[in-house]
Amino acid sequence: MVWHVIGTFLAASAGTLALGMASSWVDRKVTARVQWRVGPPMLQPIYDILKLMGKETLVPARAVGSGFLLAPVVGLAAAAVAATILWVANLWPHEAFIGDLVVVIYLLTIPAVATIYGASASGSPHAAVGASREMKLLLSYELPLILSALVPVLQVARSPDFGATFSVGALVAYQHAAGWTLWSASGALGLVAAILAMQAKLTLVPFDQPEAETELMGGVYIEYSGPPLAVIKLSRMFMLAVAPVYVATLFLGGLGSATWQGWLALAGKVVALLVVVVLIRNTNPRVRIDQAVRFFWFGVAPVAIAAVVLAAMGY
């Protein structure tokens, strides 16, 4: 049993890492095409990680060394575990455990918390400002993200065959039988809220205030170098894969079936979500952190609340 769990974790992590690197390349390639550039080769993400792995690790004199170096590893581990739970729920819906949706949402919060801790432990004033922004951004988008997740839960709860559940596997199985969550008024609104929250969770423009290279010179990542920076890059690649898979699982039916048609369909869903995210990133300017908070609390959150109400009413 233990070796089965370890093997599943390693396989899911390796697959998610490959998907994350491909997603990173899609991100940079689409960005390049929007800007009328050629863009990097497909293996560029691998080259970047290998280059950073060979560089020296510099720890600031004022940094809390253990927390500073451990934070990126914790963020990467949380993203890997969340990816494993999502893949298990998609491949073997009936083997998913009760409440794994709550666990996934919790795990997807840890990379942001680890970033805050690592930046705070660096001793840099620029990183401290970035950590403050990351904290405010986290508090702003988590509410609509959680509310959007309640939409498929409420839709499944109305089914006599499934009932109330927070199991991702049950959500996938229900969509396989009754159709995607998207094909309803509540599902469409929930998907919009989830995509916008995903944009902020990935800290992509217009919600990249914690990094903000033109303002904070890298912000939360300014003091990282060498292998720790490579781990951060890997964590971001993981999240770039996990976030679209999470949204596709809740609203677009997930994998559906473990056939080549199902895998091809899932790849199309992930790429479509990535393209939407990249287009948002390249067609909007960065907003101030107070504007981002107002946008999510008074713009996206009401949309998510409306989606929850409609889902409760059966629409």
Protein backbone atom coordinates (compact mmCIF):
# COMPACT_ATOMS: atom_id res chain seq x y z
CA MET A 1 0.00 0.00 0.00
CA VAL A 2 2.79 2.41 0.95
CA TRP A 3 4.73 1.70 -2.23
CA HIS A 4 1.54 2.16 -4.28
CA VAL A 5 1.02 5.61 -2.75
CA ILE A 6 4.68 6.56 -3.30
CA GLY A 7 4.61 5.30 -6.88
CA THR A 8 1.39 7.21 -7.61
CA PHE A 9 2.87 10.38 -6.12
CA LEU A 10 6.09 10.09 -8.15
CA ALA A 11 4.25 9.33 -11.39
CA ALA A 12 1.77 12.17 -10.87
CA SER A 13 4.56 14.59 -9.96
CA ALA A 14 6.64 13.65 -13.01
CA GLY A 15 3.64 13.95 -15.31
CA THR A 16 2.61 17.28 -13.80
CA LEU A 17 6.17 18.59 -14.09
CA ALA A 18 6.24 17.66 -17.78
CA LEU A 19 2.84 19.31 -18.27
CA GLY A 20 4.02 22.35 -16.31
CA MET A 21 7.10 22.78 -18.50
CA ALA A 22 4.95 22.43 -21.59
CA SER A 23 2.49 24.96 -20.13
CA SER A 24 5.35 27.36 -19.42
CA TRP A 25 6.46 27.04 -23.02
CA VAL A 26 2.88 27.63 -24.25
CA ASP A 27 2.70 30.71 -22.03
CA ARG A 28 5.93 32.17 -23.42
CA LYS A 29 5.16 31.14 -27.00
CA VAL A 30 1.68 32.68 -27.03
CA THR A 31 3.08 35.81 -25.36
CA ALA A 32 5.73 36.02 -28.07
CA ARG A 33 3.18 35.65 -30.85
CA VAL A 34 0.98 38.35 -29.33
CA GLN A 35 4.06 40.62 -29.34
CA TRP A 36 5.03 39.58 -32.89
CA ARG A 37 8.09 37.63 -31.72
CA VAL A 38 9.17 34.09 -32.53
CA GLY A 39 9.41 32.92 -28.93
CA PRO A 40 11.66 30.35 -27.23
CA PRO A 41 12.28 26.73 -28.32
CA MET A 42 10.18 24.01 -26.71
CA LEU A 43 12.99 22.86 -24.41
CA GLN A 44 13.72 26.35 -23.05
CA PRO A 45 12.07 25.67 -19.63
CA ILE A 46 14.41 22.70 -19.14
CA TYR A 47 17.43 24.81 -20.13
CA ASP A 48 16.42 27.49 -17.61
CA ILE A 49 16.13 25.02 -14.73
CA LEU A 50 19.43 23.31 -15.56
CA LYS A 51 21.20 26.67 -15.76
CA LEU A 52 19.91 27.72 -12.33
CA MET A 53 20.83 24.35 -10.82
CA GLY A 54 24.44 24.96 -11.76
CA LYS A 55 24.67 28.39 -10.16
CA GLU A 56 25.74 29.31 -6.64
CA THR A 57 23.20 29.70 -3.84
CA LEU A 58 23.54 33.07 -2.13
CA VAL A 59 21.86 33.60 1.23
CA PRO A 60 21.52 37.22 2.44
CA ALA A 61 23.35 38.01 5.68
CA ARG A 62 20.09 39.19 7.29
CA ALA A 63 18.06 36.19 6.15
CA VAL A 64 16.69 33.46 8.40
CA GLY A 65 18.51 30.73 6.50
CA SER A 66 16.36 27.70 7.33
CA GLY A 67 13.03 29.39 6.58
CA PHE A 68 14.43 31.23 3.56
CA LEU A 69 15.67 28.01 1.90
CA LEU A 70 12.89 25.70 3.08
CA ALA A 71 9.96 27.83 1.88
CA PRO A 72 10.36 27.05 -1.87
CA VAL A 73 10.56 23.31 -1.13
CA VAL A 74 7.35 23.42 0.94
CA GLY A 75 5.53 25.27 -1.86
CA LEU A 76 6.69 22.76 -4.47
CA ALA A 77 5.73 19.78 -2.29
CA ALA A 78 2.22 21.16 -1.69
CA ALA A 79 1.66 21.71 -5.41
CA ALA A 80 2.87 18.15 -6.13
CA VAL A 81 0.49 16.60 -3.57
CA ALA A 82 -2.44 18.65 -4.93
CA ALA A 83 -1.59 17.45 -8.44
CA THR A 84 -1.52 13.83 -7.25
CA ILE A 85 -4.98 14.12 -5.67
CA LEU A 86 -6.42 15.66 -8.84
CA TRP A 87 -4.92 12.98 -11.12
CA VAL A 88 -6.17 10.16 -8.88
CA ALA A 89 -9.66 11.69 -8.90
CA ASN A 90 -9.61 11.94 -12.69
CA LEU A 91 -8.16 8.49 -13.39
CA TRP A 92 -9.95 6.53 -10.65
CA PRO A 93 -12.95 8.60 -9.48
CA HIS A 94 -14.20 5.88 -7.15
CA GLU A 95 -10.86 5.73 -5.30
CA ALA A 96 -10.89 9.43 -4.39
CA PHE A 97 -11.33 10.04 -0.67
CA ILE A 98 -14.15 12.05 0.90
CA GLY A 99 -13.34 15.74 1.22
CA ASP A 100 -10.36 15.75 -1.15
CA LEU A 101 -11.68 18.95 -2.76
CA VAL A 102 -11.18 20.76 0.55
CA VAL A 103 -7.66 19.31 0.79
CA VAL A 104 -6.81 20.43 -2.77
CA ILE A 105 -7.98 23.98 -2.09
CA TYR A 106 -5.93 24.02 1.11
CA LEU A 107 -2.83 22.66 -0.63
CA LEU A 108 -3.10 25.19 -3.45
CA THR A 109 -2.94 27.93 -0.81
CA ILE A 110 0.38 26.71 0.63
CA PRO A 111 2.64 27.87 -2.27
CA ALA A 112 1.46 31.46 -1.72
CA VAL A 113 1.93 31.14 2.05
CA ALA A 114 5.40 29.67 1.50
CA THR A 115 6.25 32.58 -0.78
CA ILE A 116 5.15 35.04 1.91
CA TYR A 117 7.25 33.26 4.53
CA GLY A 118 10.31 32.97 2.30
CA ALA A 119 10.17 36.63 1.31
CA SER A 120 9.71 37.68 4.93
CA ALA A 121 12.66 35.52 5.98
CA SER A 122 14.97 37.04 3.34
CA GLY A 123 15.52 40.26 5.28
CA SER A 124 15.04 42.36 2.14
CA PRO A 125 12.75 45.43 2.25
CA HIS A 126 11.77 44.86 -1.39
CA ALA A 127 10.81 41.26 -0.59
CA ALA A 128 8.89 42.44 2.48
CA VAL A 129 6.77 44.74 0.34
CA GLY A 130 6.20 41.87 -2.08
CA ALA A 131 5.19 39.59 0.81
CA SER A 132 2.70 42.19 2.00
CA ARG A 133 1.19 42.38 -1.46
CA GLU A 134 1.10 38.58 -1.77
CA MET A 135 -0.79 38.38 1.53
CA LYS A 136 -3.37 40.95 0.45
CA LEU A 137 -3.78 39.27 -2.92
CA LEU A 138 -4.26 35.88 -1.26
CA LEU A 139 -6.98 37.27 1.00
CA SER A 140 -8.73 38.83 -1.98
CA TYR A 141 -8.98 35.93 -4.46
CA GLU A 142 -9.48 33.01 -2.05
CA LEU A 143 -13.12 33.92 -1.35
CA PRO A 144 -14.30 33.79 -4.99
CA LEU A 145 -12.11 30.73 -5.59
CA ILE A 146 -13.80 28.82 -2.76
CA LEU A 147 -17.27 30.05 -3.75
CA SER A 148 -16.73 28.94 -7.35
CA ALA A 149 -15.79 25.45 -6.09
CA LEU A 150 -19.17 25.24 -4.34
CA VAL A 151 -21.01 25.46 -7.68
CA PRO A 152 -20.26 21.89 -8.87
CA VAL A 153 -20.67 20.65 -5.28
CA LEU A 154 -24.22 22.06 -5.12
CA GLN A 155 -25.05 20.68 -8.56
CA VAL A 156 -23.96 17.19 -7.52
CA ALA A 157 -25.84 17.51 -4.21
CA ARG A 158 -29.13 17.78 -6.12
CA SER A 159 -28.53 14.41 -7.79
CA PRO A 160 -30.12 11.42 -5.99
CA ASP A 161 -27.32 9.15 -7.29
CA PHE A 162 -24.52 11.14 -5.64
CA GLY A 163 -25.82 13.49 -2.93
CA ALA A 164 -23.83 16.08 -1.03
CA THR A 165 -20.11 15.44 -1.34
CA PHE A 166 -16.76 17.23 -1.45
CA SER A 167 -15.10 14.41 -3.38
CA VAL A 168 -13.41 15.47 -6.62
CA GLY A 169 -13.93 11.95 -7.95
CA ALA A 170 -17.69 12.27 -7.44
CA LEU A 171 -17.69 15.62 -9.24
CA VAL A 172 -15.88 14.05 -12.18
CA ALA A 173 -18.20 11.02 -12.25
CA TYR A 174 -21.28 13.25 -12.08
CA GLN A 175 -20.13 15.36 -15.02
CA HIS A 176 -19.35 12.22 -16.98
CA ALA A 177 -22.97 11.12 -16.48
CA ALA A 178 -24.88 14.42 -16.57
CA GLY A 179 -22.67 16.79 -18.58
CA TRP A 180 -20.15 19.49 -17.74
CA THR A 181 -20.75 21.96 -14.95
CA LEU A 182 -20.18 24.69 -17.54
CA TRP A 183 -23.44 23.89 -19.33
CA SER A 184 -25.55 25.80 -16.81
CA ALA A 185 -25.95 29.42 -15.80
CA SER A 186 -24.30 28.80 -12.44
CA GLY A 187 -21.49 26.82 -14.05
CA ALA A 188 -20.73 29.57 -16.57
CA LEU A 189 -20.56 32.24 -13.87
CA GLY A 190 -18.52 29.95 -11.62
CA LEU A 191 -16.05 29.28 -14.43
CA VAL A 192 -15.53 33.02 -15.00
CA ALA A 193 -14.87 33.55 -11.29
CA ALA A 194 -12.53 30.54 -11.16
CA ILE A 195 -10.48 31.72 -14.16
CA LEU A 196 -10.03 35.20 -12.71
CA ALA A 197 -9.06 33.74 -9.33
CA MET A 198 -6.67 31.38 -11.11
CA GLN A 199 -5.04 34.38 -12.82
CA ALA A 200 -4.34 35.90 -9.40
CA LYS A 201 -3.23 32.60 -7.85
CA LEU A 202 -0.64 32.29 -10.62
CA THR A 203 0.34 35.95 -9.95
CA LEU A 204 0.16 36.81 -13.63
CA VAL A 205 -0.55 40.27 -14.99
CA PRO A 206 -2.68 42.15 -14.06
CA PHE A 207 -2.23 40.51 -10.63
CA ASP A 208 1.57 40.19 -10.44
CA GLN A 209 1.93 42.87 -7.75
CA PRO A 210 4.05 40.66 -5.40
CA GLU A 211 6.73 40.27 -8.08
CA ALA A 212 6.33 43.51 -10.06
CA GLU A 213 9.79 43.58 -11.64
CA THR A 214 9.50 47.21 -12.74
CA GLU A 215 8.57 48.31 -9.19
CA LEU A 216 10.12 45.82 -6.76
CA MET A 217 12.87 44.27 -8.94
CA GLY A 218 11.41 40.80 -8.43
CA GLY A 219 9.75 41.44 -5.07
CA VAL A 220 9.22 38.17 -3.22
CA TYR A 221 11.90 36.43 -5.32
CA ILE A 222 14.55 39.15 -5.36
CA GLU A 223 17.00 37.44 -2.96
CA TYR A 224 16.72 33.93 -4.40
CA SER A 225 19.40 32.48 -6.66
CA GLY A 226 20.75 29.15 -7.87
CA PRO A 227 18.92 25.91 -6.93
CA PRO A 228 16.39 27.62 -4.58
CA LEU A 229 15.35 29.89 -7.46
CA ALA A 230 15.15 26.81 -9.68
CA VAL A 231 12.77 25.21 -7.14
CA ILE A 232 10.64 28.37 -7.24
CA LYS A 233 10.54 28.20 -11.03
CA LEU A 234 9.54 24.52 -10.81
CA SER A 235 6.81 25.39 -8.32
CA ARG A 236 5.44 28.05 -10.67
CA MET A 237 5.50 25.53 -13.52
CA PHE A 238 3.64 23.04 -11.32
CA MET A 239 1.00 25.65 -10.52
CA LEU A 240 0.73 26.60 -14.19
CA ALA A 241 -0.28 22.99 -14.83
CA VAL A 242 -2.26 22.25 -11.66
CA ALA A 243 -4.48 25.36 -11.81
CA PRO A 244 -5.89 24.66 -15.32
CA VAL A 245 -6.34 20.96 -14.48
CA TYR A 246 -8.20 21.96 -11.30
CA VAL A 247 -10.55 24.30 -13.22
CA ALA A 248 -11.02 21.77 -16.03
CA THR A 249 -11.85 19.07 -13.47
CA LEU A 250 -14.51 21.13 -11.69
CA PHE A 251 -16.17 22.80 -14.68
CA LEU A 252 -15.15 21.02 -17.91
CA GLY A 253 -15.58 17.35 -17.01
CA GLY A 254 -11.93 16.63 -16.28
CA LEU A 255 -10.41 13.62 -18.00
CA GLY A 256 -13.72 11.89 -18.59
CA SER A 257 -12.22 8.56 -19.67
CA ALA A 258 -8.66 7.23 -19.57
CA THR A 259 -8.53 6.72 -23.34
CA TRP A 260 -6.52 8.59 -25.93
CA GLN A 261 -9.65 10.58 -26.78
CA GLY A 262 -10.05 11.54 -23.11
CA TRP A 263 -6.41 12.56 -22.77
CA LEU A 264 -6.60 14.55 -26.00
CA ALA A 265 -9.77 16.30 -24.80
CA LEU A 266 -8.16 17.14 -21.44
CA ALA A 267 -5.10 18.52 -23.21
CA GLY A 268 -7.36 20.72 -25.32
CA LYS A 269 -9.16 22.01 -22.20
CA VAL A 270 -5.87 22.80 -20.44
CA VAL A 271 -4.44 24.56 -23.50
CA ALA A 272 -7.65 26.56 -23.96
CA LEU A 273 -7.54 27.73 -20.34
CA LEU A 274 -3.84 28.57 -20.67
CA VAL A 275 -4.48 30.63 -23.80
CA VAL A 276 -7.23 32.57 -21.99
CA VAL A 277 -4.88 33.24 -19.06
CA VAL A 278 -2.03 34.31 -21.34
CA LEU A 279 -4.28 36.60 -23.37
CA ILE A 280 -5.52 38.26 -20.17
CA ARG A 281 -1.90 38.67 -19.13
CA ASN A 282 -0.89 40.32 -22.39
CA THR A 283 -3.86 42.62 -22.88
CA ASN A 284 -4.12 44.22 -19.42
CA PRO A 285 -1.79 46.48 -17.42
CA ARG A 286 -0.81 45.68 -13.86
CA VAL A 287 -3.29 47.12 -11.34
CA ARG A 288 -2.47 48.44 -7.89
CA ILE A 289 -2.89 46.02 -5.00
CA ASP A 290 -5.84 48.01 -3.59
CA GLN A 291 -7.51 47.87 -7.01
CA ALA A 292 -6.97 44.10 -7.12
CA VAL A 293 -8.53 43.65 -3.69
CA ARG A 294 -11.56 45.76 -4.64
CA PHE A 295 -11.88 43.89 -7.93
CA PHE A 296 -12.10 40.49 -6.25
CA TRP A 297 -14.16 41.49 -3.22
CA PHE A 298 -16.67 43.74 -4.97
CA GLY A 299 -16.48 42.41 -8.54
CA VAL A 300 -15.62 38.72 -8.74
CA ALA A 301 -17.01 37.66 -5.32
CA PRO A 302 -20.57 38.85 -6.14
CA VAL A 303 -20.40 36.91 -9.42
CA ALA A 304 -19.33 33.80 -7.50
CA ILE A 305 -22.10 34.35 -4.93
CA ALA A 306 -24.65 34.65 -7.76
CA ALA A 307 -23.31 31.39 -9.21
CA VAL A 308 -23.72 29.64 -5.85
CA VAL A 309 -27.28 30.92 -5.47
CA LEU A 310 -28.19 29.79 -8.98
CA ALA A 311 -26.62 26.37 -8.35
CA ALA A 312 -28.65 26.01 -5.14
CA MET A 313 -31.78 26.82 -7.12
CA GLY A 314 -30.93 24.23 -9.78
CA TYR A 315 -29.88 26.55 -12.61
